[in-house]
PDB file of N, CA and C in Angstrom:
ATOM      1  N   MET A   1     -17.872  -7.993  14.486  1.00  0.00           N
ATOM      2  CA  MET A   1     -17.717  -8.179  13.063  1.00  0.00           C
ATOM      3  C   MET A   1     -16.220  -8.200  12.757  1.00  0.00           C
ATOM      4  N   ARG A   2     -15.835  -9.050  11.840  1.00  0.00           N
ATOM      5  CA  ARG A   2     -14.448  -9.130  11.395  1.00  0.00           C
ATOM      6  C   ARG A   2     -14.253  -8.241  10.166  1.00  0.00           C
ATOM      7  N   ALA A   3     -13.075  -7.641  10.081  1.00  0.00           N
ATOM      8  CA  ALA A   3     -12.800  -6.733   8.959  1.00  0.00           C
ATOM      9  C   ALA A   3     -11.419  -6.999   8.385  1.00  0.00           C
ATOM     10  N   PHE A   4     -11.315  -6.834   7.095  1.00  0.00           N
ATOM     11  CA  PHE A   4     -10.047  -6.853   6.386  1.00  0.00           C
ATOM     12  C   PHE A   4      -9.795  -5.431   5.908  1.00  0.00           C
ATOM     13  N   VAL A   5      -8.582  -4.962   6.012  1.00  0.00           N
ATOM     14  CA  VAL A   5      -8.233  -3.604   5.590  1.00  0.00           C
ATOM     15  C   VAL A   5      -7.308  -3.694   4.382  1.00  0.00           C
ATOM     16  N   TYR A   6      -7.706  -3.005   3.315  1.00  0.00           N
ATOM     17  CA  TYR A   6      -6.867  -2.933   2.113  1.00  0.00           C
ATOM     18  C   TYR A   6      -6.565  -1.471   1.838  1.00  0.00           C
ATOM     19  N   THR A   7      -5.286  -1.145   1.694  1.00  0.00           N
ATOM     20  CA  THR A   7      -4.870   0.220   1.377  1.00  0.00           C
ATOM     21  C   THR A   7      -4.059   0.199   0.096  1.00  0.00           C
ATOM     22  N   ARG A   8      -4.143   1.316  -0.647  1.00  0.00           N
ATOM     23  CA  ARG A   8      -3.408   1.386  -1.910  1.00  0.00           C
ATOM     24  C   ARG A   8      -3.086   2.836  -2.225  1.00  0.00           C
ATOM     25  N   GLN A   9      -1.927   3.044  -2.750  1.00  0.00           N
ATOM     26  CA  GLN A   9      -1.488   4.349  -3.240  1.00  0.00           C
ATOM     27  C   GLN A   9      -1.030   4.156  -4.677  1.00  0.00           C
ATOM     28  N   SER A  10      -1.566   4.950  -5.593  1.00  0.00           N
ATOM     29  CA  SER A  10      -1.211   4.801  -7.001  1.00  0.00           C
ATOM     30  C   SER A  10       0.238   5.155  -7.286  1.00  0.00           C
ATOM     31  N   LEU A  11       0.666   6.280  -6.775  1.00  0.00           N
ATOM     32  CA  LEU A  11       2.012   6.753  -7.078  1.00  0.00           C
ATOM     33  C   LEU A  11       2.642   7.269  -5.796  1.00  0.00           C
ATOM     34  N   ASP A  12       3.739   6.664  -5.420  1.00  0.00           N
ATOM     35  CA  ASP A  12       4.459   7.072  -4.214  1.00  0.00           C
ATOM     36  C   ASP A  12       5.860   7.496  -4.635  1.00  0.00           C
ATOM     37  N   ARG A  13       6.009   8.767  -4.900  1.00  0.00           N
ATOM     38  CA  ARG A  13       7.303   9.275  -5.389  1.00  0.00           C
ATOM     39  C   ARG A  13       8.404   9.180  -4.344  1.00  0.00           C
ATOM     40  N   THR A  14       8.029   9.209  -3.068  1.00  0.00           N
ATOM     41  CA  THR A  14       9.041   9.158  -2.017  1.00  0.00           C
ATOM     42  C   THR A  14       9.405   7.729  -1.645  1.00  0.00           C
ATOM     43  N   GLY A  15       8.496   6.791  -1.876  1.00  0.00           N
ATOM     44  CA  GLY A  15       8.726   5.414  -1.494  1.00  0.00           C
ATOM     45  C   GLY A  15       8.553   5.159  -0.011  1.00  0.00           C
ATOM     46  N   LEU A  16       8.062   6.149   0.730  1.00  0.00           N
ATOM     47  CA  LEU A  16       7.932   6.022   2.177  1.00  0.00           C
ATOM     48  C   LEU A  16       6.626   5.374   2.631  1.00  0.00           C
ATOM     49  N   GLY A  17       5.645   5.312   1.756  1.00  0.00           N
ATOM     50  CA  GLY A  17       4.371   4.695   2.112  1.00  0.00           C
ATOM     51  C   GLY A  17       3.518   5.511   3.065  1.00  0.00           C
ATOM     52  N   ALA A  18       3.732   6.826   3.115  1.00  0.00           N
ATOM     53  CA  ALA A  18       2.994   7.679   4.059  1.00  0.00           C
ATOM     54  C   ALA A  18       1.493   7.652   3.786  1.00  0.00           C
ATOM     55  N   ALA A  19       1.089   7.653   2.534  1.00  0.00           N
ATOM     56  CA  ALA A  19      -0.344   7.680   2.208  1.00  0.00           C
ATOM     57  C   ALA A  19      -1.033   6.391   2.641  1.00  0.00           C
ATOM     58  N   VAL A  20      -0.405   5.246   2.398  1.00  0.00           N
ATOM     59  CA  VAL A  20      -1.040   3.996   2.819  1.00  0.00           C
ATOM     60  C   VAL A  20      -1.056   3.881   4.338  1.00  0.00           C
ATOM     61  N   GLU A  21      -0.069   4.437   5.006  1.00  0.00           N
ATOM     62  CA  GLU A  21      -0.073   4.427   6.476  1.00  0.00           C
ATOM     63  C   GLU A  21      -1.201   5.299   7.015  1.00  0.00           C
ATOM     64  N   ARG A  22      -1.452   6.462   6.387  1.00  0.00           N
ATOM     65  CA  ARG A  22      -2.580   7.307   6.805  1.00  0.00           C
ATOM     66  C   ARG A  22      -3.909   6.582   6.576  1.00  0.00           C
ATOM     67  N   GLN A  23      -4.028   5.913   5.430  1.00  0.00           N
ATOM     68  CA  GLN A  23      -5.244   5.148   5.151  1.00  0.00           C
ATOM     69  C   GLN A  23      -5.444   4.057   6.193  1.00  0.00           C
ATOM     70  N   ARG A  24      -4.363   3.358   6.520  1.00  0.00           N
ATOM     71  CA  ARG A  24      -4.414   2.270   7.496  1.00  0.00           C
ATOM     72  C   ARG A  24      -4.883   2.796   8.863  1.00  0.00           C
ATOM     73  N   GLU A  25      -4.352   3.934   9.267  1.00  0.00           N
ATOM     74  CA  GLU A  25      -4.743   4.520  10.546  1.00  0.00           C
ATOM     75  C   GLU A  25      -6.219   4.928  10.529  1.00  0.00           C
ATOM     76  N   ASP A  26      -6.681   5.524   9.426  1.00  0.00           N
ATOM     77  CA  ASP A  26      -8.103   5.882   9.302  1.00  0.00           C
ATOM     78  C   ASP A  26      -8.983   4.637   9.404  1.00  0.00           C
ATOM     79  N   CYS A  27      -8.571   3.560   8.766  1.00  0.00           N
ATOM     80  CA  CYS A  27      -9.342   2.310   8.818  1.00  0.00           C
ATOM     81  C   CYS A  27      -9.359   1.737  10.229  1.00  0.00           C
ATOM     82  N   ARG A  28      -8.214   1.791  10.922  1.00  0.00           N
ATOM     83  CA  ARG A  28      -8.162   1.315  12.308  1.00  0.00           C
ATOM     84  C   ARG A  28      -9.154   2.091  13.178  1.00  0.00           C
ATOM     85  N   LYS A  29      -9.168   3.407  13.018  1.00  0.00           N
ATOM     86  CA  LYS A  29     -10.075   4.242  13.808  1.00  0.00           C
ATOM     87  C   LYS A  29     -11.534   3.900  13.511  1.00  0.00           C
ATOM     88  N   LEU A  30     -11.860   3.768  12.233  1.00  0.00           N
ATOM     89  CA  LEU A  30     -13.231   3.447  11.846  1.00  0.00           C
ATOM     90  C   LEU A  30     -13.658   2.097  12.416  1.00  0.00           C
ATOM     91  N   CYS A  31     -12.794   1.116  12.312  1.00  0.00           N
ATOM     92  CA  CYS A  31     -13.129  -0.210  12.837  1.00  0.00           C
ATOM     93  C   CYS A  31     -13.312  -0.167  14.347  1.00  0.00           C
ATOM     94  N   LYS A  32     -12.477   0.567  15.026  1.00  0.00           N
ATOM     95  CA  LYS A  32     -12.607   0.686  16.483  1.00  0.00           C
ATOM     96  C   LYS A  32     -13.938   1.341  16.850  1.00  0.00           C
ATOM     97  N   GLU A  33     -14.295   2.431  16.139  1.00  0.00           N
ATOM     98  CA  GLU A  33     -15.559   3.119  16.396  1.00  0.00           C
ATOM     99  C   GLU A  33     -16.758   2.203  16.201  1.00  0.00           C
ATOM    100  N   ARG A  34     -16.672   1.313  15.233  1.00  0.00           N
ATOM    101  CA  ARG A  34     -17.795   0.426  14.921  1.00  0.00           C
ATOM    102  C   ARG A  34     -17.740  -0.901  15.670  1.00  0.00           C
ATOM    103  N   GLY A  35     -16.681  -1.103  16.429  1.00  0.00           N
ATOM    104  CA  GLY A  35     -16.555  -2.337  17.195  1.00  0.00           C
ATOM    105  C   GLY A  35     -16.138  -3.533  16.359  1.00  0.00           C
ATOM    106  N   TRP A  36     -15.516  -3.272  15.227  1.00  0.00           N
ATOM    107  CA  TRP A  36     -15.069  -4.336  14.344  1.00  0.00           C
ATOM    108  C   TRP A  36     -13.656  -4.776  14.723  1.00  0.00           C
ATOM    109  N   THR A  37     -13.345  -6.017  14.468  1.00  0.00           N
ATOM    110  CA  THR A  37     -12.013  -6.559  14.720  1.00  0.00           C
ATOM    111  C   THR A  37     -11.281  -6.725  13.399  1.00  0.00           C
ATOM    112  N   ILE A  38     -10.142  -6.091  13.281  1.00  0.00           N
ATOM    113  CA  ILE A  38      -9.333  -6.241  12.064  1.00  0.00           C
ATOM    114  C   ILE A  38      -8.589  -7.565  12.162  1.00  0.00           C
ATOM    115  N   VAL A  39      -8.840  -8.445  11.209  1.00  0.00           N
ATOM    116  CA  VAL A  39      -8.205  -9.763  11.233  1.00  0.00           C
ATOM    117  C   VAL A  39      -7.035  -9.865  10.262  1.00  0.00           C
ATOM    118  N   ALA A  40      -6.961  -8.928   9.308  1.00  0.00           N
ATOM    119  CA  ALA A  40      -5.840  -8.929   8.363  1.00  0.00           C
ATOM    120  C   ALA A  40      -5.784  -7.586   7.660  1.00  0.00           C
ATOM    121  N   GLY A  41      -4.591  -7.246   7.201  1.00  0.00           N
ATOM    122  CA  GLY A  41      -4.403  -6.021   6.439  1.00  0.00           C
ATOM    123  C   GLY A  41      -3.584  -6.305   5.195  1.00  0.00           C
ATOM    124  N   PHE A  42      -3.918  -5.642   4.129  1.00  0.00           N
ATOM    125  CA  PHE A  42      -3.246  -5.812   2.845  1.00  0.00           C
ATOM    126  C   PHE A  42      -2.947  -4.443   2.269  1.00  0.00           C
ATOM    127  N   SER A  43      -1.817  -4.297   1.615  1.00  0.00           N
ATOM    128  CA  SER A  43      -1.448  -2.991   1.087  1.00  0.00           C
ATOM    129  C   SER A  43      -0.671  -3.138  -0.213  1.00  0.00           C
ATOM    130  N   ASP A  44      -1.029  -2.316  -1.184  1.00  0.00           N
ATOM    131  CA  ASP A  44      -0.275  -2.193  -2.424  1.00  0.00           C
ATOM    132  C   ASP A  44       0.156  -0.737  -2.529  1.00  0.00           C
ATOM    133  N   ASN A  45       1.431  -0.486  -2.332  1.00  0.00           N
ATOM    134  CA  ASN A  45       1.945   0.878  -2.415  1.00  0.00           C
ATOM    135  C   ASN A  45       2.578   1.089  -3.780  1.00  0.00           C
ATOM    136  N   ASP A  46       2.300   2.248  -4.362  1.00  0.00           N
ATOM    137  CA  ASP A  46       2.864   2.622  -5.659  1.00  0.00           C
ATOM    138  C   ASP A  46       2.383   1.686  -6.767  1.00  0.00           C
ATOM    139  N   VAL A  47       1.091   1.323  -6.705  1.00  0.00           N
ATOM    140  CA  VAL A  47       0.481   0.438  -7.698  1.00  0.00           C
ATOM    141  C   VAL A  47      -0.834   1.054  -8.147  1.00  0.00           C
ATOM    142  N   SER A  48      -0.925   1.407  -9.406  1.00  0.00           N
ATOM    143  CA  SER A  48      -2.141   2.005  -9.940  1.00  0.00           C
ATOM    144  C   SER A  48      -3.238   0.962 -10.104  1.00  0.00           C
ATOM    145  N   ALA A  49      -4.461   1.331  -9.787  1.00  0.00           N
ATOM    146  CA  ALA A  49      -5.596   0.428  -9.978  1.00  0.00           C
ATOM    147  C   ALA A  49      -6.123   0.500 -11.407  1.00  0.00           C
ATOM    148  N   SER A  50      -5.845   1.579 -12.097  1.00  0.00           N
ATOM    149  CA  SER A  50      -6.396   1.741 -13.440  1.00  0.00           C
ATOM    150  C   SER A  50      -5.427   1.336 -14.545  1.00  0.00           C
ATOM    151  N   SER A  51      -4.207   0.996 -14.207  1.00  0.00           N
ATOM    152  CA  SER A  51      -3.213   0.664 -15.231  1.00  0.00           C
ATOM    153  C   SER A  51      -3.324  -0.774 -15.717  1.00  0.00           C
ATOM    154  N   ARG A  52      -4.171  -1.540 -15.060  1.00  0.00           N
ATOM    155  CA  ARG A  52      -4.351  -2.956 -15.359  1.00  0.00           C
ATOM    156  C   ARG A  52      -3.125  -3.800 -14.971  1.00  0.00           C
ATOM    157  N   LYS A  53      -2.187  -3.190 -14.260  1.00  0.00           N
ATOM    158  CA  LYS A  53      -1.073  -3.960 -13.716  1.00  0.00           C
ATOM    159  C   LYS A  53      -1.587  -4.759 -12.532  1.00  0.00           C
ATOM    160  N   PRO A  54      -0.996  -5.886 -12.265  1.00  0.00           N
ATOM    161  CA  PRO A  54      -1.437  -6.681 -11.111  1.00  0.00           C
ATOM    162  C   PRO A  54      -1.256  -5.928  -9.798  1.00  0.00           C
ATOM    163  N   ARG A  55      -2.199  -6.140  -8.905  1.00  0.00           N
ATOM    164  CA  ARG A  55      -2.102  -5.618  -7.539  1.00  0.00           C
ATOM    165  C   ARG A  55      -1.955  -6.847  -6.638  1.00  0.00           C
ATOM    166  N   PRO A  56      -0.729  -7.266  -6.395  1.00  0.00           N
ATOM    167  CA  PRO A  56      -0.483  -8.546  -5.729  1.00  0.00           C
ATOM    168  C   PRO A  56      -1.198  -8.735  -4.397  1.00  0.00           C
ATOM    169  N   ARG A  57      -1.165  -7.748  -3.541  1.00  0.00           N
ATOM    170  CA  ARG A  57      -1.801  -7.899  -2.231  1.00  0.00           C
ATOM    171  C   ARG A  57      -3.324  -7.923  -2.365  1.00  0.00           C
ATOM    172  N   TYR A  58      -3.877  -7.147  -3.276  1.00  0.00           N
ATOM    173  CA  TYR A  58      -5.324  -7.161  -3.496  1.00  0.00           C
ATOM    174  C   TYR A  58      -5.765  -8.529  -4.008  1.00  0.00           C
ATOM    175  N   GLN A  59      -4.987  -9.076  -4.908  1.00  0.00           N
ATOM    176  CA  GLN A  59      -5.347 -10.375  -5.488  1.00  0.00           C
ATOM    177  C   GLN A  59      -5.236 -11.505  -4.477  1.00  0.00           C
ATOM    178  N   ARG A  60      -4.397 -11.347  -3.449  1.00  0.00           N
ATOM    179  CA  ARG A  60      -4.247 -12.372  -2.418  1.00  0.00           C
ATOM    180  C   ARG A  60      -5.207 -12.169  -1.254  1.00  0.00           C
ATOM    181  N   SER A  61      -5.912 -11.039  -1.221  1.00  0.00           N
ATOM    182  CA  SER A  61      -6.825 -10.783  -0.097  1.00  0.00           C
ATOM    183  C   SER A  61      -7.989 -11.765  -0.176  1.00  0.00           C
ATOM    184  N   PRO A  62      -8.591 -12.084   0.966  1.00  0.00           N
ATOM    185  CA  PRO A  62      -9.700 -13.034   1.000  1.00  0.00           C
ATOM    186  C   PRO A  62     -10.917 -12.503   0.254  1.00  0.00           C
ATOM    187  N   PRO A  63     -11.700 -13.365  -0.315  1.00  0.00           N
ATOM    188  CA  PRO A  63     -12.922 -12.920  -1.005  1.00  0.00           C
ATOM    189  C   PRO A  63     -13.932 -12.366  -0.014  1.00  0.00           C
ATOM    190  N   ALA A  64     -14.748 -11.446  -0.499  1.00  0.00           N
ATOM    191  CA  ALA A  64     -15.813 -10.888   0.343  1.00  0.00           C
ATOM    192  C   ALA A  64     -16.860 -11.960   0.590  1.00  0.00           C
ATOM    193  N   GLY A  65     -17.441 -11.917   1.726  1.00  0.00           N
ATOM    194  CA  GLY A  65     -18.469 -12.920   2.034  1.00  0.00           C
ATOM    195  C   GLY A  65     -19.151 -12.586   3.342  1.00  0.00           C
ATOM    196  N   PRO A  66     -20.084 -13.420   3.728  1.00  0.00           N
ATOM    197  CA  PRO A  66     -20.840 -13.163   4.968  1.00  0.00           C
ATOM    198  C   PRO A  66     -19.989 -13.221   6.220  1.00  0.00           C
TER     199      PRO A  66
END
């Protein structure tokens, strides 16, 4: 199975992206356990999902489908 990984952190006061990197690593582990192949990764760091501000990487990610 092919998988796309999307990570997001609402507020990153340090600017280091540590939270999205932890999310990315968790997703890698999960995909490996399930035998899935990660074909692309997308990340929006320091971007709130509830503020209605654009999430550029999320908006460019491929649509869900079979």
